[in-house]
Amino acid sequence: MFYISRWKRPTMASSVTLSALALWGVLATPSLAASKTITAAMHSDLRIIDPGFTTAYITRDHGYMVYDTLLATDSNFKIQPQMADWKVSDDKLTYTFTLRDGLKWHDGAPVTAEDCVASLKRWGRNDSMGQKLMDFTASIEATDAKTITLKLKEPYGLVLESIGKPSSYVPFMMPKRLAETPPGQQIKEQIGSGPFKFVQAEFQPGVKAVYEKNKDYVPRKEPPSWTSGGKVVKVDRVEWITMPDAQTAVNALQSGDIDFMENPSFDLLPVLEGNKDLKIETLNKLGFQTLGRMNFLYPPFDNVKVRRAAFLAMNQKSVLDALVGNPKYYKVCGAVFICDTQLATDVGSESLVKGNGMAEAKKLLAESGYDGTPVALMAPGDVVALKAQPIVAAQLLREAGFKVDVQATDWQTVVARRASQKPPKEGGWNMFFTNWVGADAVNPIVNVSISGKGKNGGWFGWPEDAKMEAMRDAFARSSSPEEQKKIATDIQKEVYDQVIYIPLGQYRIVSAWRKSLSGVLDGPATPIFWNIDKSE
């Protein structure tokens, strides 16, 4: 469903869009027609709205609309104040954060340090980087209504980078009563202090999400830069609509029935590039890493030899050709921590980048004792950036000798189902595919996929690897770039030896929007909707 900002006589380009509107059954009322509204077709529909419950980027993006953060990252990768300023003791053991004036929750209550302490503790249970910070933390408490004091057991160089991280899980602040929601449960209300308010009454899960300008929000004075600076809202409403058919969304964008399209399919880009009324741009310059993840709890992937056989069968170029097609937008890359970064290495990646592992995959699978257990492989068909990977992987796995059960579904079902630790026959799973923005994979602390904590705080798939955790601790303690590079190389070797996950290459997406929008910001957690204005 989406709002039509102005009525036009249907054209050939818009007829599909208008028929979709009739199906969805939501049109603008006269009162809304007078408001300044941005209508966006996002990369996925939105169903899970607790940003502390899933790493899914659509939920992260929702989080940035509703919530705010203590610190933020600017375009120079520097940590900046957002809700709070900070100071550090001379011995590097005490960090003191002071909340700025003017912070209020959407229900009118003031933001307090107690709220923020509870929020940090919740985030620290779920997020890989947060877990590591909490391992080094002796205490974190509210010393008065506006002051948060974090004391360390020993100096730790990533305190600010952890609390200011830009992507999933983002350490969003929320009222204490919500932050204290029991583990494994989603929060019951959407009360943040961010620049937009969530319109619960208009939320249709999987179809439409609506946000209104938070008129009580007090932006910072600095100019916006990535997730830092002033979050100045220049429109009245933002509406996210679900349009799983790429051609329908492109038609709607060209006709002006929607304003913004986050992720057009690559094969339709030439059509958009030829439209003088549209702007086409890559907002996340770091790009994405696409990857496969196995479930370590159940056969067949509880056997490392079987995992290695699957790993050897994979071929990055085949995946990227199907996913992207145009080499202009993708990169074959064996680096776990992203190519062209300080920690990049090709150790252990030969079969992935050269595609020469199939013979060895067949041999190893035959030696592994694999008994023909079907691989329950979840295959979402509604997200452009996630359609191709499971199909190509299923073909490669079958060629290696696996039996594969490709289970067609949608992405939000995958997001919910991948959290299940039940056996595949009882609604669980064996394998799924997803994407990380580069910022979520650049080092061993932020990269949640390599956690070896198993069922005790690990990411979906739950590998338990004490050696991995020891190396991550060593990386966290190190202040030497040379030593960190060596540790990261050893970690990458362990990732590939144990098949903690399978990086399947890197790619960039482009977004498209009508030139009636101005002020669209770039960054590693885009799109973000503050600073955007709309002219008629």
Protein backbone atom coordinates (compact mmCIF):
# COMPACT_ATOMS: atom_id res chain seq x y z
CA MET A 1 0.00 0.00 0.00
CA PHE A 2 1.22 3.43 -0.65
CA TYR A 3 0.08 6.99 -0.67
CA ILE A 4 -0.35 8.81 -4.00
CA SER A 5 0.91 12.34 -3.46
CA ARG A 6 -0.91 13.66 -6.53
CA TRP A 7 -3.50 12.14 -8.83
CA LYS A 8 -2.52 11.61 -12.44
CA ARG A 9 -4.31 10.07 -15.34
CA PRO A 10 -3.10 6.44 -15.54
CA THR A 11 -0.40 5.86 -18.10
CA MET A 12 0.90 2.60 -19.45
CA ALA A 13 3.79 2.83 -16.98
CA SER A 14 1.49 3.44 -14.03
CA SER A 15 -1.32 0.99 -14.83
CA VAL A 16 0.41 -1.90 -13.09
CA THR A 17 1.01 0.33 -10.08
CA LEU A 18 -2.62 1.42 -9.89
CA SER A 19 -3.87 -2.13 -10.16
CA ALA A 20 -1.54 -3.01 -7.31
CA LEU A 21 -3.03 -0.16 -5.32
CA ALA A 22 -6.48 -1.53 -5.91
CA LEU A 23 -5.36 -4.90 -4.63
CA TRP A 24 -3.75 -3.41 -1.53
CA GLY A 25 -6.76 -1.20 -0.95
CA VAL A 26 -5.12 1.81 0.70
CA LEU A 27 -5.40 5.28 -0.83
CA ALA A 28 -4.57 8.65 0.65
CA THR A 29 -7.26 10.46 2.54
CA PRO A 30 -7.74 14.20 1.85
CA SER A 31 -6.09 15.10 5.16
CA LEU A 32 -2.96 13.12 4.29
CA ALA A 33 -2.84 14.47 0.76
CA ALA A 34 -1.92 17.89 2.15
CA SER A 35 1.08 16.52 4.06
CA LYS A 36 4.58 16.15 2.70
CA THR A 37 5.06 12.39 2.39
CA ILE A 38 7.93 10.25 1.12
CA THR A 39 6.81 6.90 -0.21
CA ALA A 40 9.52 4.24 -0.41
CA ALA A 41 9.72 0.70 -1.73
CA MET A 42 12.24 -0.91 0.60
CA HIS A 43 14.39 -3.97 -0.02
CA SER A 44 12.11 -6.16 2.11
CA ASP A 45 8.79 -6.08 3.87
CA LEU A 46 8.78 -5.33 7.59
CA ARG A 47 7.33 -7.73 10.14
CA ILE A 48 9.76 -7.96 13.06
CA ILE A 49 9.95 -4.48 14.56
CA ASP A 50 12.24 -5.13 17.53
CA PRO A 51 15.75 -4.05 16.41
CA GLY A 52 17.29 -6.00 19.29
CA PHE A 53 15.69 -9.26 18.18
CA THR A 54 17.13 -9.72 14.68
CA THR A 55 20.06 -8.50 12.58
CA ALA A 56 17.77 -8.15 9.52
CA TYR A 57 18.50 -4.82 7.88
CA ILE A 58 14.88 -3.85 7.34
CA THR A 59 14.47 -4.05 11.12
CA ARG A 60 17.69 -2.07 11.63
CA ASP A 61 16.36 0.58 9.24
CA HIS A 62 13.11 0.70 11.23
CA GLY A 63 15.23 1.13 14.35
CA TYR A 64 16.92 4.22 12.95
CA MET A 65 13.53 5.80 12.29
CA VAL A 66 12.21 5.29 15.83
CA TYR A 67 15.24 5.10 18.13
CA ASP A 68 18.47 6.99 18.72
CA THR A 69 21.98 6.05 19.85
CA LEU A 70 24.39 7.37 22.46
CA LEU A 71 27.22 7.66 19.92
CA ALA A 72 27.43 7.45 16.14
CA THR A 73 29.94 6.95 13.31
CA ASP A 74 30.68 9.67 10.76
CA SER A 75 31.90 9.36 7.17
CA ASN A 76 35.52 9.44 8.32
CA PHE A 77 34.90 6.38 10.52
CA LYS A 78 35.21 8.58 13.61
CA ILE A 79 32.95 8.18 16.64
CA GLN A 80 30.86 11.26 17.41
CA PRO A 81 28.46 12.23 20.22
CA GLN A 82 24.79 11.64 19.44
CA MET A 83 22.61 11.39 22.57
CA ALA A 84 25.63 11.74 24.84
CA ASP A 85 29.12 13.19 25.17
CA TRP A 86 31.87 11.25 26.95
CA LYS A 87 35.14 11.44 28.79
CA VAL A 88 37.72 8.75 29.56
CA SER A 89 39.82 8.43 32.72
CA ASP A 90 43.60 8.63 32.50
CA ASP A 91 43.92 4.92 33.28
CA LYS A 92 41.49 4.09 30.41
CA LEU A 93 39.28 2.10 32.80
CA THR A 94 36.33 4.47 33.31
CA TYR A 95 34.12 5.91 30.58
CA THR A 96 31.59 8.54 31.62
CA PHE A 97 28.71 9.40 29.27
CA THR A 98 26.55 12.48 29.85
CA LEU A 99 23.15 12.73 28.16
CA ARG A 100 22.48 15.95 26.28
CA ASP A 101 19.51 18.19 27.04
CA GLY A 102 16.15 17.86 25.33
CA LEU A 103 15.91 14.05 25.10
CA LYS A 104 12.38 12.70 25.45
CA TRP A 105 10.72 9.39 24.72
CA HIS A 106 7.82 9.41 22.29
CA ASP A 107 5.40 9.07 25.20
CA GLY A 108 6.70 12.35 26.66
CA ALA A 109 8.81 10.91 29.48
CA PRO A 110 12.41 12.14 29.80
CA VAL A 111 15.25 9.87 28.70
CA THR A 112 17.26 8.82 31.76
CA ALA A 113 20.61 7.19 32.33
CA GLU A 114 18.81 4.17 33.83
CA ASP A 115 16.99 3.68 30.51
CA CYS A 116 20.28 3.77 28.65
CA VAL A 117 22.04 1.37 31.03
CA ALA A 118 19.21 -1.16 30.56
CA SER A 119 19.39 -0.65 26.78
CA LEU A 120 23.14 -1.23 26.68
CA LYS A 121 22.80 -4.39 28.75
CA ARG A 122 20.12 -5.78 26.40
CA TRP A 123 22.24 -4.98 23.35
CA GLY A 124 25.28 -6.49 25.06
CA ARG A 125 23.51 -9.85 25.39
CA ASN A 126 22.65 -10.09 21.70
CA ASP A 127 25.35 -8.37 19.67
CA SER A 128 28.75 -9.93 19.00
CA MET A 129 30.59 -6.66 19.54
CA GLY A 130 28.42 -5.90 22.56
CA GLN A 131 29.15 -9.30 24.07
CA LYS A 132 32.87 -8.69 23.75
CA LEU A 133 32.54 -5.27 25.38
CA MET A 134 30.60 -6.80 28.25
CA ASP A 135 33.35 -9.41 28.69
CA PHE A 136 35.71 -6.52 29.48
CA THR A 137 33.18 -4.58 31.57
CA ALA A 138 33.33 -4.61 35.38
CA SER A 139 30.18 -2.50 35.85
CA ILE A 140 27.84 -0.17 34.04
CA GLU A 141 25.46 1.98 36.03
CA ALA A 142 23.51 5.22 36.16
CA THR A 143 25.30 7.49 38.63
CA ASP A 144 22.61 10.17 38.24
CA ALA A 145 19.71 10.92 35.89
CA LYS A 146 21.97 12.04 33.05
CA THR A 147 25.23 10.15 33.71
CA ILE A 148 26.21 6.62 32.66
CA THR A 149 29.43 5.24 34.10
CA LEU A 150 31.10 2.23 32.48
CA LYS A 151 34.05 0.68 34.32
CA LEU A 152 36.36 -1.86 32.67
CA LYS A 153 38.27 -4.79 34.13
CA GLU A 154 41.22 -3.88 31.92
CA PRO A 155 41.78 -1.33 29.13
CA TYR A 156 39.81 -2.12 25.96
CA GLY A 157 40.30 -0.09 22.82
CA LEU A 158 36.91 -0.64 21.19
CA VAL A 159 34.54 0.82 23.78
CA LEU A 160 33.48 3.83 21.74
CA GLU A 161 33.49 1.93 18.44
CA SER A 162 31.18 -0.66 19.99
CA ILE A 163 28.63 1.79 21.37
CA GLY A 164 28.80 3.87 18.18
CA LYS A 165 28.63 0.99 15.67
CA PRO A 166 26.39 1.88 12.72
CA SER A 167 24.83 -1.44 11.82
CA SER A 168 23.28 -4.61 13.22
CA TYR A 169 22.85 -5.02 16.04
CA VAL A 170 22.75 -1.25 16.59
CA PRO A 171 22.83 -0.22 20.29
CA PHE A 172 19.54 1.68 20.16
CA MET A 173 18.27 3.32 23.34
CA MET A 174 14.76 2.55 24.63
CA PRO A 175 12.84 2.97 27.89
CA LYS A 176 14.01 0.73 30.72
CA ARG A 177 10.70 -1.15 30.85
CA LEU A 178 11.19 -2.22 27.21
CA ALA A 179 14.91 -2.92 27.50
CA GLU A 180 14.19 -5.30 30.38
CA THR A 181 12.00 -7.51 28.17
CA PRO A 182 13.03 -11.12 28.94
CA PRO A 183 15.61 -12.66 26.58
CA GLY A 184 14.01 -14.40 23.60
CA GLN A 185 10.96 -12.12 23.63
CA GLN A 186 10.26 -9.09 21.46
CA ILE A 187 9.47 -5.70 22.94
CA LYS A 188 5.75 -4.91 23.10
CA GLU A 189 5.85 -1.19 22.27
CA GLN A 190 7.66 1.01 19.77
CA ILE A 191 8.64 3.89 22.03
CA GLY A 192 11.95 5.49 21.13
CA SER A 193 13.43 8.98 21.23
CA GLY A 194 14.36 9.13 17.55
CA PRO A 195 13.40 11.58 14.79
CA PHE A 196 10.28 9.69 13.69
CA LYS A 197 7.35 8.12 15.53
CA PHE A 198 6.02 4.73 14.46
CA VAL A 199 2.31 4.83 13.56
CA GLN A 200 1.17 1.55 15.07
CA ALA A 201 -2.45 2.02 13.94
CA GLU A 202 -1.40 2.02 10.26
CA PHE A 203 1.11 -0.83 10.47
CA GLN A 204 0.23 -3.79 8.29
CA PRO A 205 3.00 -6.37 8.78
CA GLY A 206 4.50 -7.40 5.48
CA VAL A 207 2.58 -4.72 3.60
CA LYS A 208 2.98 -1.18 4.94
CA ALA A 209 4.78 0.75 7.70
CA VAL A 210 4.19 4.43 8.44
CA TYR A 211 6.33 6.95 10.33
CA GLU A 212 5.47 10.52 11.32
CA LYS A 213 7.83 13.35 12.16
CA ASN A 214 8.64 13.52 15.87
CA LYS A 215 7.96 17.20 16.48
CA ASP A 216 9.56 17.02 19.93
CA TYR A 217 12.88 15.73 18.62
CA VAL A 218 15.83 18.08 19.19
CA PRO A 219 18.52 17.44 16.55
CA ARG A 220 22.19 18.03 17.16
CA LYS A 221 23.65 21.18 15.61
CA GLU A 222 26.35 19.42 13.56
CA PRO A 223 25.67 18.61 9.89
CA PRO A 224 24.61 15.02 9.20
CA SER A 225 27.34 12.54 8.36
CA TRP A 226 26.47 8.84 8.08
CA THR A 227 24.57 8.09 11.31
CA SER A 228 26.03 11.07 13.19
CA GLY A 229 25.14 14.76 13.31
CA GLY A 230 21.81 16.52 13.15
CA LYS A 231 18.85 14.31 12.29
CA VAL A 232 16.61 17.04 10.87
CA VAL A 233 13.30 15.72 9.55
CA LYS A 234 11.99 17.82 6.65
CA VAL A 235 8.82 15.89 5.76
CA ASP A 236 5.65 15.02 7.65
CA ARG A 237 5.45 11.29 6.92
CA VAL A 238 7.44 8.43 5.50
CA GLU A 239 5.60 5.36 4.22
CA TRP A 240 7.34 2.09 3.46
CA ILE A 241 5.39 -0.11 1.10
CA THR A 242 5.98 -3.68 0.01
CA MET A 243 6.24 -4.24 -3.73
CA PRO A 244 7.79 -7.67 -4.25
CA ASP A 245 7.44 -7.47 -8.02
CA ALA A 246 10.44 -5.52 -9.29
CA GLN A 247 8.80 -4.39 -12.53
CA THR A 248 5.78 -3.05 -10.67
CA ALA A 249 8.04 -1.04 -8.36
CA VAL A 250 10.03 0.36 -11.29
CA ASN A 251 6.81 1.39 -13.05
CA ALA A 252 5.61 3.09 -9.88
CA LEU A 253 8.87 5.00 -9.49
CA GLN A 254 8.87 6.16 -13.09
CA SER A 255 5.26 7.31 -12.94
CA GLY A 256 5.82 9.21 -9.69
CA ASP A 257 3.52 7.06 -7.56
CA ILE A 258 6.46 6.27 -5.29
CA ASP A 259 9.46 8.47 -4.55
CA PHE A 260 12.25 6.10 -3.61
CA MET A 261 13.28 2.53 -4.47
CA GLU A 262 15.99 1.06 -2.29
CA ASN A 263 17.14 -1.86 -4.38
CA PRO A 264 16.09 -2.08 -8.04
CA SER A 265 17.04 -5.34 -9.69
CA PHE A 266 20.22 -5.06 -11.73
CA ASP A 267 18.56 -6.07 -14.98
CA LEU A 268 16.16 -3.12 -14.75
CA LEU A 269 18.83 -0.47 -14.09
CA PRO A 270 19.19 0.52 -17.78
CA VAL A 271 15.50 1.47 -17.81
CA LEU A 272 15.91 3.69 -14.75
CA GLU A 273 19.18 5.21 -15.94
CA GLY A 274 17.40 6.47 -19.03
CA ASN A 275 14.80 8.43 -17.06
CA LYS A 276 15.82 12.09 -16.64
CA ASP A 277 13.48 12.48 -13.65
CA LEU A 278 15.38 9.92 -11.57
CA LYS A 279 18.69 9.86 -9.72
CA ILE A 280 20.62 6.57 -9.47
CA GLU A 281 23.34 6.20 -6.85
CA THR A 282 25.16 3.74 -4.63
CA LEU A 283 24.50 4.92 -1.07
CA ASN A 284 26.56 2.27 0.73
CA LYS A 285 30.01 2.63 -0.80
CA LEU A 286 31.39 -0.22 1.37
CA GLY A 287 29.02 -2.62 -0.35
CA PHE A 288 27.77 -5.99 0.81
CA GLN A 289 29.22 -9.42 1.50
CA THR A 290 26.83 -12.22 0.59
CA LEU A 291 27.17 -15.47 2.54
CA GLY A 292 25.84 -18.90 3.37
CA ARG A 293 25.26 -20.15 6.92
CA MET A 294 24.79 -23.74 8.10
CA ASN A 295 23.05 -25.05 11.21
CA PHE A 296 25.68 -26.74 13.40
CA LEU A 297 23.12 -28.35 15.73
CA TYR A 298 21.72 -31.06 13.43
CA PRO A 299 22.74 -33.45 10.64
CA PRO A 300 24.17 -33.22 8.13
CA PHE A 301 26.11 -30.05 9.03
CA ASP A 302 27.00 -31.09 12.58
CA ASN A 303 29.80 -33.02 10.81
CA VAL A 304 32.77 -30.85 9.83
CA LYS A 305 33.65 -33.12 6.89
CA VAL A 306 30.17 -32.62 5.48
CA ARG A 307 30.47 -28.87 5.98
CA ARG A 308 33.83 -28.87 4.22
CA ALA A 309 32.36 -30.81 1.30
CA ALA A 310 29.62 -28.19 0.97
CA PHE A 311 32.20 -25.41 1.23
CA LEU A 312 34.35 -26.92 -1.52
CA ALA A 313 31.32 -27.18 -3.79
CA MET A 314 30.63 -23.45 -3.62
CA ASN A 315 31.78 -21.08 -6.36
CA GLN A 316 31.60 -17.33 -5.83
CA LYS A 317 31.47 -16.36 -9.49
CA SER A 318 28.47 -18.59 -10.17
CA VAL A 319 26.61 -17.00 -7.28
CA LEU A 320 27.55 -13.44 -8.23
CA ASP A 321 26.72 -13.94 -11.90
CA ALA A 322 23.24 -15.07 -10.93
CA LEU A 323 22.77 -12.46 -8.21
CA VAL A 324 24.23 -9.41 -9.94
CA GLY A 325 25.22 -10.33 -13.49
CA ASN A 326 27.20 -7.20 -14.28
CA PRO A 327 30.83 -7.44 -13.02
CA LYS A 328 30.76 -3.64 -12.65
CA TYR A 329 28.79 -4.18 -9.46
CA TYR A 330 30.46 -7.27 -7.94
CA LYS A 331 33.84 -8.57 -6.79
CA VAL A 332 35.02 -12.16 -6.32
CA CYS A 333 36.67 -11.95 -2.91
CA GLY A 334 37.99 -14.59 -0.54
CA ALA A 335 38.55 -12.20 2.38
CA VAL A 336 36.32 -12.86 5.38
CA PHE A 337 36.96 -9.30 6.58
CA ILE A 338 36.23 -7.60 3.23
CA CYS A 339 38.63 -7.06 0.33
CA ASP A 340 40.81 -3.94 0.16
CA THR A 341 40.84 -3.50 3.95
CA GLN A 342 43.69 -3.75 6.46
CA LEU A 343 42.68 -7.27 7.46
CA ALA A 344 42.07 -8.67 3.99
CA THR A 345 43.76 -11.97 3.10
CA ASP A 346 43.04 -14.81 0.68
CA VAL A 347 44.09 -17.60 3.10
CA GLY A 348 41.90 -20.67 2.66
CA SER A 349 39.72 -19.23 -0.07
CA GLU A 350 41.14 -20.79 -3.25
CA SER A 351 38.20 -23.05 -4.05
CA LEU A 352 35.70 -20.24 -3.48
CA VAL A 353 37.41 -17.72 -5.73
CA LYS A 354 38.65 -20.12 -8.41
CA GLY A 355 35.69 -22.50 -8.37
CA ASN A 356 37.97 -25.53 -8.52
CA GLY A 357 36.77 -27.51 -5.49
CA MET A 358 33.98 -29.69 -6.88
CA ALA A 359 36.05 -32.87 -7.38
CA GLU A 360 37.41 -32.63 -3.84
CA ALA A 361 33.90 -31.89 -2.55
CA LYS A 362 32.56 -35.13 -4.04
CA LYS A 363 35.47 -37.12 -2.64
CA LEU A 364 35.16 -35.65 0.86
CA LEU A 365 31.39 -36.11 0.97
CA ALA A 366 31.82 -39.78 0.07
CA GLU A 367 34.35 -40.15 2.91
CA SER A 368 32.29 -38.21 5.46
CA GLY A 369 29.64 -40.81 6.17
CA TYR A 370 26.90 -38.57 4.77
CA ASP A 371 23.74 -40.68 4.80
CA GLY A 372 21.60 -38.72 2.38
CA THR A 373 19.93 -36.51 4.97
CA PRO A 374 18.19 -33.78 2.95
CA VAL A 375 19.52 -30.26 3.38
CA ALA A 376 16.56 -28.02 4.33
CA LEU A 377 17.59 -24.90 2.44
CA MET A 378 15.44 -21.79 2.91
CA ALA A 379 14.93 -19.85 -0.34
CA PRO A 380 13.18 -16.47 -0.09
CA GLY A 381 11.71 -15.29 -3.36
CA ASP A 382 10.62 -11.77 -2.45
CA VAL A 383 13.96 -9.95 -1.98
CA VAL A 384 16.03 -9.12 -5.06
CA ALA A 385 19.33 -9.44 -3.21
CA LEU A 386 18.52 -12.89 -1.77
CA LYS A 387 16.78 -14.80 -4.57
CA ALA A 388 19.74 -16.20 -6.47
CA GLN A 389 22.04 -17.54 -3.75
CA PRO A 390 19.92 -20.51 -2.55
CA ILE A 391 19.10 -21.59 -6.10
CA VAL A 392 22.73 -21.61 -7.23
CA ALA A 393 23.88 -23.22 -3.99
CA ALA A 394 21.28 -25.96 -4.26
CA GLN A 395 22.51 -26.80 -7.75
CA LEU A 396 26.14 -26.93 -6.59
CA LEU A 397 25.30 -29.04 -3.54
CA ARG A 398 23.38 -31.54 -5.66
CA GLU A 399 26.30 -31.75 -8.07
CA ALA A 400 28.53 -32.62 -5.10
CA GLY A 401 26.17 -35.43 -4.04
CA PHE A 402 23.87 -33.78 -1.48
CA LYS A 403 20.15 -34.22 -1.35
CA VAL A 404 18.63 -30.75 -1.13
CA ASP A 405 15.14 -29.68 -0.10
CA VAL A 406 14.72 -26.14 -1.41
CA GLN A 407 11.96 -24.61 0.67
CA ALA A 408 10.43 -21.62 -1.10
CA THR A 409 9.40 -18.90 1.32
CA ASP A 410 9.69 -15.14 1.89
CA TRP A 411 12.49 -13.28 3.65
CA GLN A 412 10.59 -12.33 6.79
CA THR A 413 9.71 -15.99 7.31
CA VAL A 414 13.43 -16.80 7.02
CA VAL A 415 14.20 -14.04 9.54
CA ALA A 416 11.80 -15.59 12.04
CA ARG A 417 12.56 -19.25 11.28
CA ARG A 418 16.35 -18.99 11.40
CA ALA A 419 16.05 -18.17 15.12
CA SER A 420 14.50 -21.61 15.75
CA GLN A 421 16.76 -24.26 17.27
CA LYS A 422 14.26 -27.02 16.53
CA PRO A 423 15.23 -29.90 14.20
CA PRO A 424 14.57 -29.28 10.51
CA LYS A 425 11.65 -31.73 10.54
CA GLU A 426 10.01 -29.66 13.28
CA GLY A 427 10.27 -26.27 11.59
CA GLY A 428 14.03 -25.75 11.87
CA TRP A 429 16.49 -25.50 9.02
CA ASN A 430 19.90 -26.56 7.70
CA MET A 431 21.07 -23.64 5.59
CA PHE A 432 20.17 -20.06 4.68
CA PHE A 433 21.78 -17.13 2.88
CA THR A 434 22.00 -13.48 3.79
CA ASN A 435 24.09 -10.36 3.23
CA TRP A 436 26.24 -8.21 5.50
CA VAL A 437 27.05 -4.59 4.78
CA GLY A 438 30.81 -4.18 4.73
CA ALA A 439 30.74 -2.33 8.06
CA ASP A 440 29.32 -5.45 9.73
CA ALA A 441 32.17 -7.70 8.60
CA VAL A 442 35.40 -5.67 8.68
CA ASN A 443 36.98 -7.16 11.81
CA PRO A 444 36.68 -10.17 14.13
CA ILE A 445 34.78 -8.26 16.82
CA VAL A 446 32.06 -6.66 14.74
CA ASN A 447 31.56 -9.72 12.47
CA VAL A 448 28.78 -11.61 14.24
CA SER A 449 29.02 -14.57 11.86
CA ILE A 450 32.34 -15.77 13.31
CA SER A 451 31.23 -15.92 16.94
CA GLY A 452 32.03 -19.29 18.52
CA LYS A 453 29.65 -18.92 21.46
CA GLY A 454 27.27 -21.63 20.25
CA LYS A 455 23.80 -21.62 21.79
CA ASN A 456 25.04 -19.31 24.55
CA GLY A 457 24.86 -16.04 22.66
CA GLY A 458 26.03 -17.09 19.20
CA TRP A 459 24.42 -16.06 15.93
CA PHE A 460 21.93 -18.27 14.07
CA GLY A 461 23.61 -21.58 13.23
CA TRP A 462 25.27 -21.66 16.65
CA PRO A 463 28.82 -22.94 16.05
CA GLU A 464 30.67 -23.59 19.31
CA ASP A 465 34.38 -22.92 18.89
CA ALA A 466 36.56 -22.14 21.94
CA LYS A 467 39.62 -21.59 19.74
CA MET A 468 37.73 -18.93 17.80
CA GLU A 469 36.70 -17.11 20.96
CA ALA A 470 40.27 -17.18 22.28
CA MET A 471 41.52 -15.60 19.06
CA ARG A 472 38.79 -12.96 19.13
CA ASP A 473 39.82 -12.11 22.69
CA ALA A 474 43.45 -11.82 21.58
CA PHE A 475 42.43 -9.51 18.74
CA ALA A 476 40.42 -7.35 21.13
CA ARG A 477 43.38 -6.99 23.49
CA SER A 478 45.92 -6.24 20.78
CA SER A 479 46.89 -2.67 19.92
CA SER A 480 49.40 -3.60 17.22
CA PRO A 481 48.11 -3.49 13.60
CA GLU A 482 50.66 -6.14 12.61
CA GLU A 483 49.57 -8.48 15.39
CA GLN A 484 45.90 -7.85 14.63
CA LYS A 485 46.50 -8.73 10.98
CA LYS A 486 48.18 -12.00 11.98
CA ILE A 487 45.33 -12.90 14.37
CA ALA A 488 42.72 -12.03 11.73
CA THR A 489 44.51 -14.29 9.24
CA ASP A 490 44.46 -17.15 11.75
CA ILE A 491 40.77 -16.50 12.38
CA GLN A 492 40.02 -16.62 8.66
CA LYS A 493 41.81 -19.97 8.44
CA GLU A 494 39.63 -21.28 11.29
CA VAL A 495 36.49 -19.91 9.60
CA TYR A 496 37.28 -21.89 6.46
CA ASP A 497 38.62 -25.01 8.19
CA GLN A 498 35.50 -25.32 10.34
CA VAL A 499 33.18 -23.69 7.77
CA ILE A 500 31.86 -21.22 10.32
CA TYR A 501 30.25 -19.49 7.35
CA ILE A 502 30.80 -19.23 3.60
CA PRO A 503 31.56 -15.79 2.11
CA LEU A 504 30.21 -15.82 -1.43
CA GLY A 505 31.62 -12.54 -2.73
CA GLN A 506 30.97 -8.82 -2.54
CA TYR A 507 28.64 -6.53 -4.45
CA ARG A 508 27.22 -3.02 -4.46
CA ILE A 509 23.59 -2.07 -4.88
CA VAL A 510 22.21 1.14 -6.30
CA SER A 511 19.16 3.01 -5.12
CA ALA A 512 16.89 5.15 -7.27
CA TRP A 513 14.75 8.12 -6.38
CA ARG A 514 12.86 10.91 -8.05
CA LYS A 515 14.68 14.21 -8.35
CA SER A 516 11.88 15.81 -6.34
CA LEU A 517 13.79 14.40 -3.34
CA SER A 518 16.89 16.23 -2.13
CA GLY A 519 19.30 15.64 0.73
CA VAL A 520 19.51 11.83 0.44
CA LEU A 521 22.41 10.72 2.64
CA ASP A 522 24.95 7.98 2.04
CA GLY A 523 26.45 5.63 4.63
CA PRO A 524 26.79 2.01 5.77
CA ALA A 525 23.25 1.85 7.19
CA THR A 526 21.18 3.35 4.40
CA PRO A 527 18.62 4.39 3.51
CA ILE A 528 18.00 6.91 6.27
CA PHE A 529 15.18 9.41 5.91
CA TRP A 530 16.19 12.41 7.95
CA ASN A 531 17.63 15.34 5.97
CA ILE A 532 15.52 14.41 2.92
CA ASP A 533 13.19 17.11 1.58
CA LYS A 534 10.55 16.76 -1.10
CA SER A 535 9.41 19.33 -3.64
CA GLU A 536 6.27 19.03 -5.68
